[in-house]
Amino acid sequence: MRKIVYATLLFIFGVLGAVVLNAQSTTHLSKDLKVFVIPLEGPDSALANVLNAKLISHLVKRGVAVVESVDNADAVLNGAGLIQSSVNEYGHVHYRVQAGMRLVNKDGRVLWADEISSSRYAQSASSSFADNVAKAVAQAISGDGQEKK
């Protein structure tokens, strides 16, 4: 009889623990969150400017409210990454963009963070990267696409 009681209590505490951990790991972001995209930097300023503009465009297309001033923002989107190039057996150059991105509120609390890269077979690595970041940020803000634990 004691074994059944202990097993039942262990099961209940296990379920409660899982519920508490899941509730703590889920961050609910305001759907009205205004985001400022920190300008990207790099050795090629023209490329950084294009990538920044594409990132803003894709965020807006995904329904994310982007503002032009950090003073008007609820959070800032920033990160660091690199662009790699490789040549295939036919002599075609392929680019890959990858970065660690994060969304941080005014108090310095990280609201969302992820590693993002361009799609492997994308025609444009910069557009693919920008769209993948925008999709991930939009999902984080809307609460869709969160991992189930």
C-alpha atoms as a PDB file:
ATOM      1  CA  MET A   1       0.000   0.000   0.000  1.00  0.00           C
ATOM      2  CA  ARG A   2       2.833   2.424   0.849  1.00  0.00           C
ATOM      3  CA  LYS A   3       4.458   1.765  -2.517  1.00  0.00           C
ATOM      4  CA  ILE A   4       1.276   2.782  -4.332  1.00  0.00           C
ATOM      5  CA  VAL A   5       0.992   5.971  -2.262  1.00  0.00           C
ATOM      6  CA  TYR A   6       4.656   6.841  -2.851  1.00  0.00           C
ATOM      7  CA  ALA A   7       4.362   6.081  -6.555  1.00  0.00           C
ATOM      8  CA  THR A   8       1.227   8.243  -6.803  1.00  0.00           C
ATOM      9  CA  LEU A   9       2.883  11.145  -4.923  1.00  0.00           C
ATOM     10  CA  LEU A  10       6.003  10.841  -7.063  1.00  0.00           C
ATOM     11  CA  PHE A  11       3.846  10.952 -10.205  1.00  0.00           C
ATOM     12  CA  ILE A  12       1.887  14.002  -8.973  1.00  0.00           C
ATOM     13  CA  PHE A  13       5.053  15.897  -8.019  1.00  0.00           C
ATOM     14  CA  GLY A  14       6.625  14.962 -11.349  1.00  0.00           C
ATOM     15  CA  VAL A  15       3.651  16.327 -13.274  1.00  0.00           C
ATOM     16  CA  LEU A  16       3.512  19.486 -11.140  1.00  0.00           C
ATOM     17  CA  GLY A  17       7.247  19.983 -11.584  1.00  0.00           C
ATOM     18  CA  ALA A  18       6.949  19.664 -15.351  1.00  0.00           C
ATOM     19  CA  VAL A  19       4.069  22.160 -15.418  1.00  0.00           C
ATOM     20  CA  VAL A  20       6.011  24.661 -13.298  1.00  0.00           C
ATOM     21  CA  LEU A  21       9.166  24.304 -15.422  1.00  0.00           C
ATOM     22  CA  ASN A  22       7.185  24.727 -18.633  1.00  0.00           C
ATOM     23  CA  ALA A  23       5.425  27.810 -17.263  1.00  0.00           C
ATOM     24  CA  GLN A  24       8.753  29.340 -16.221  1.00  0.00           C
ATOM     25  CA  SER A  25      10.418  28.674 -19.582  1.00  0.00           C
ATOM     26  CA  THR A  26       7.611  30.234 -21.626  1.00  0.00           C
ATOM     27  CA  THR A  27       8.083  33.941 -22.203  1.00  0.00           C
ATOM     28  CA  HIS A  28       4.975  35.834 -23.217  1.00  0.00           C
ATOM     29  CA  LEU A  29       5.814  38.897 -25.240  1.00  0.00           C
ATOM     30  CA  SER A  30       3.379  41.695 -25.871  1.00  0.00           C
ATOM     31  CA  LYS A  31       1.816  41.554 -29.321  1.00  0.00           C
ATOM     32  CA  ASP A  32       2.155  45.372 -29.389  1.00  0.00           C
ATOM     33  CA  LEU A  33       5.925  45.180 -28.872  1.00  0.00           C
ATOM     34  CA  LYS A  34       7.745  47.905 -30.817  1.00  0.00           C
ATOM     35  CA  VAL A  35      11.158  46.752 -32.015  1.00  0.00           C
ATOM     36  CA  PHE A  36      14.203  48.776 -32.992  1.00  0.00           C
ATOM     37  CA  VAL A  37      16.744  46.979 -35.164  1.00  0.00           C
ATOM     38  CA  ILE A  38      20.274  47.949 -34.179  1.00  0.00           C
ATOM     39  CA  PRO A  39      22.183  48.783 -37.363  1.00  0.00           C
ATOM     40  CA  LEU A  40      24.479  45.955 -38.382  1.00  0.00           C
ATOM     41  CA  GLU A  41      28.193  46.554 -38.662  1.00  0.00           C
ATOM     42  CA  GLY A  42      30.974  44.875 -40.548  1.00  0.00           C
ATOM     43  CA  PRO A  43      33.921  45.426 -42.822  1.00  0.00           C
ATOM     44  CA  ASP A  44      31.579  45.899 -45.804  1.00  0.00           C
ATOM     45  CA  SER A  45      29.239  48.720 -44.772  1.00  0.00           C
ATOM     46  CA  ALA A  46      27.195  48.492 -47.993  1.00  0.00           C
ATOM     47  CA  LEU A  47      26.475  44.806 -47.337  1.00  0.00           C
ATOM     48  CA  ALA A  48      25.642  45.547 -43.694  1.00  0.00           C
ATOM     49  CA  ASN A  49      23.208  48.276 -44.774  1.00  0.00           C
ATOM     50  CA  VAL A  50      21.484  45.979 -47.291  1.00  0.00           C
ATOM     51  CA  LEU A  51      21.184  43.186 -44.730  1.00  0.00           C
ATOM     52  CA  ASN A  52      19.783  45.630 -42.157  1.00  0.00           C
ATOM     53  CA  ALA A  53      17.215  46.968 -44.653  1.00  0.00           C
ATOM     54  CA  LYS A  54      16.168  43.433 -45.628  1.00  0.00           C
ATOM     55  CA  LEU A  55      15.823  42.490 -41.970  1.00  0.00           C
ATOM     56  CA  ILE A  56      13.526  45.453 -41.305  1.00  0.00           C
ATOM     57  CA  SER A  57      11.480  44.711 -44.453  1.00  0.00           C
ATOM     58  CA  HIS A  58      10.973  41.065 -43.525  1.00  0.00           C
ATOM     59  CA  LEU A  59      10.049  41.947 -39.942  1.00  0.00           C
ATOM     60  CA  VAL A  60       7.383  44.364 -41.166  1.00  0.00           C
ATOM     61  CA  LYS A  61       6.069  41.792 -43.677  1.00  0.00           C
ATOM     62  CA  ARG A  62       5.700  39.341 -40.769  1.00  0.00           C
ATOM     63  CA  GLY A  63       3.665  41.868 -38.777  1.00  0.00           C
ATOM     64  CA  VAL A  64       6.339  43.001 -36.335  1.00  0.00           C
ATOM     65  CA  ALA A  65       6.072  46.680 -35.354  1.00  0.00           C
ATOM     66  CA  VAL A  66       9.455  48.217 -36.229  1.00  0.00           C
ATOM     67  CA  VAL A  67      10.336  51.745 -35.110  1.00  0.00           C
ATOM     68  CA  GLU A  68      13.103  53.998 -36.419  1.00  0.00           C
ATOM     69  CA  SER A  69      14.197  55.312 -33.016  1.00  0.00           C
ATOM     70  CA  VAL A  70      15.485  53.377 -30.028  1.00  0.00           C
ATOM     71  CA  ASP A  71      13.644  55.901 -27.800  1.00  0.00           C
ATOM     72  CA  ASN A  72      10.284  54.729 -29.213  1.00  0.00           C
ATOM     73  CA  ALA A  73      11.117  51.026 -28.887  1.00  0.00           C
ATOM     74  CA  ASP A  74      10.060  48.508 -26.264  1.00  0.00           C
ATOM     75  CA  ALA A  75      12.890  46.185 -27.300  1.00  0.00           C
ATOM     76  CA  VAL A  76      15.931  46.107 -29.546  1.00  0.00           C
ATOM     77  CA  LEU A  77      16.958  43.371 -31.953  1.00  0.00           C
ATOM     78  CA  ASN A  78      20.679  42.797 -32.274  1.00  0.00           C
ATOM     79  CA  GLY A  79      23.197  40.063 -32.796  1.00  0.00           C
ATOM     80  CA  ALA A  80      26.498  39.043 -34.273  1.00  0.00           C
ATOM     81  CA  GLY A  81      27.249  36.766 -37.153  1.00  0.00           C
ATOM     82  CA  LEU A  82      29.259  36.035 -40.223  1.00  0.00           C
ATOM     83  CA  ILE A  83      28.943  35.455 -43.928  1.00  0.00           C
ATOM     84  CA  GLN A  84      30.708  32.450 -45.403  1.00  0.00           C
ATOM     85  CA  SER A  85      31.286  31.686 -49.053  1.00  0.00           C
ATOM     86  CA  SER A  86      32.119  28.428 -50.767  1.00  0.00           C
ATOM     87  CA  VAL A  87      32.608  27.346 -54.336  1.00  0.00           C
ATOM     88  CA  ASN A  88      30.907  24.175 -55.553  1.00  0.00           C
ATOM     89  CA  GLU A  89      32.309  21.715 -58.094  1.00  0.00           C
ATOM     90  CA  TYR A  90      30.804  23.756 -60.951  1.00  0.00           C
ATOM     91  CA  GLY A  91      32.545  26.960 -59.895  1.00  0.00           C
ATOM     92  CA  HIS A  92      29.411  28.640 -58.489  1.00  0.00           C
ATOM     93  CA  VAL A  93      29.865  30.676 -55.336  1.00  0.00           C
ATOM     94  CA  HIS A  94      27.354  30.031 -52.559  1.00  0.00           C
ATOM     95  CA  TYR A  95      26.956  32.240 -49.525  1.00  0.00           C
ATOM     96  CA  ARG A  96      25.688  31.371 -46.068  1.00  0.00           C
ATOM     97  CA  VAL A  97      24.721  33.876 -43.390  1.00  0.00           C
ATOM     98  CA  GLN A  98      24.556  32.773 -39.772  1.00  0.00           C
ATOM     99  CA  ALA A  99      24.225  34.723 -36.549  1.00  0.00           C
ATOM    100  CA  GLY A 100      23.236  34.646 -32.940  1.00  0.00           C
ATOM    101  CA  MET A 101      20.300  37.036 -32.594  1.00  0.00           C
ATOM    102  CA  ARG A 102      18.516  38.360 -29.532  1.00  0.00           C
ATOM    103  CA  LEU A 103      15.618  40.609 -28.595  1.00  0.00           C
ATOM    104  CA  VAL A 104      16.329  42.650 -25.455  1.00  0.00           C
ATOM    105  CA  ASN A 105      13.954  44.935 -23.542  1.00  0.00           C
ATOM    106  CA  LYS A 106      14.887  48.348 -22.120  1.00  0.00           C
ATOM    107  CA  ASP A 107      15.824  46.796 -18.777  1.00  0.00           C
ATOM    108  CA  GLY A 108      18.426  44.621 -20.494  1.00  0.00           C
ATOM    109  CA  ARG A 109      16.411  41.410 -20.100  1.00  0.00           C
ATOM    110  CA  VAL A 110      16.738  39.022 -23.026  1.00  0.00           C
ATOM    111  CA  LEU A 111      13.216  38.281 -24.245  1.00  0.00           C
ATOM    112  CA  TRP A 112      14.189  35.944 -27.083  1.00  0.00           C
ATOM    113  CA  ALA A 113      17.438  34.555 -28.467  1.00  0.00           C
ATOM    114  CA  ASP A 114      18.293  32.022 -31.138  1.00  0.00           C
ATOM    115  CA  GLU A 115      20.885  30.953 -33.669  1.00  0.00           C
ATOM    116  CA  ILE A 116      19.651  31.772 -37.156  1.00  0.00           C
ATOM    117  CA  SER A 117      21.133  31.000 -40.561  1.00  0.00           C
ATOM    118  CA  SER A 118      20.138  31.354 -44.166  1.00  0.00           C
ATOM    119  CA  SER A 119      18.472  28.381 -45.797  1.00  0.00           C
ATOM    120  CA  ARG A 120      20.864  25.969 -47.441  1.00  0.00           C
ATOM    121  CA  TYR A 121      19.497  26.236 -50.975  1.00  0.00           C
ATOM    122  CA  ALA A 122      18.386  29.873 -50.918  1.00  0.00           C
ATOM    123  CA  GLN A 123      18.827  32.024 -54.019  1.00  0.00           C
ATOM    124  CA  SER A 124      19.784  34.945 -51.769  1.00  0.00           C
ATOM    125  CA  ALA A 125      21.513  34.167 -48.489  1.00  0.00           C
ATOM    126  CA  SER A 126      20.830  37.645 -47.105  1.00  0.00           C
ATOM    127  CA  SER A 127      17.092  37.538 -47.908  1.00  0.00           C
ATOM    128  CA  SER A 128      16.790  34.013 -46.546  1.00  0.00           C
ATOM    129  CA  PHE A 129      18.570  34.996 -43.344  1.00  0.00           C
ATOM    130  CA  ALA A 130      16.420  38.107 -42.904  1.00  0.00           C
ATOM    131  CA  ASP A 131      13.228  36.103 -43.447  1.00  0.00           C
ATOM    132  CA  ASN A 132      14.311  33.372 -41.018  1.00  0.00           C
ATOM    133  CA  VAL A 133      15.051  35.970 -38.319  1.00  0.00           C
ATOM    134  CA  ALA A 134      11.745  37.745 -38.972  1.00  0.00           C
ATOM    135  CA  LYS A 135       9.821  34.475 -38.803  1.00  0.00           C
ATOM    136  CA  ALA A 136      11.440  33.517 -35.491  1.00  0.00           C
ATOM    137  CA  VAL A 137      10.853  36.950 -33.938  1.00  0.00           C
ATOM    138  CA  ALA A 138       7.231  37.064 -35.145  1.00  0.00           C
ATOM    139  CA  GLN A 139       6.621  33.595 -33.688  1.00  0.00           C
ATOM    140  CA  ALA A 140       8.175  34.613 -30.377  1.00  0.00           C
ATOM    141  CA  ILE A 141       5.994  37.722 -30.195  1.00  0.00           C
ATOM    142  CA  SER A 142       2.791  35.925 -31.205  1.00  0.00           C
ATOM    143  CA  GLY A 143       3.522  32.962 -28.954  1.00  0.00           C
ATOM    144  CA  ASP A 144       3.280  30.507 -31.895  1.00  0.00           C
ATOM    145  CA  GLY A 145       5.900  27.925 -32.619  1.00  0.00           C
ATOM    146  CA  GLN A 146       7.175  27.554 -29.078  1.00  0.00           C
ATOM    147  CA  GLU A 147       8.608  24.184 -28.303  1.00  0.00           C
ATOM    148  CA  LYS A 148       6.336  21.886 -26.372  1.00  0.00           C
ATOM    149  CA  LYS A 149       8.021  20.271 -23.388  1.00  0.00           C
END
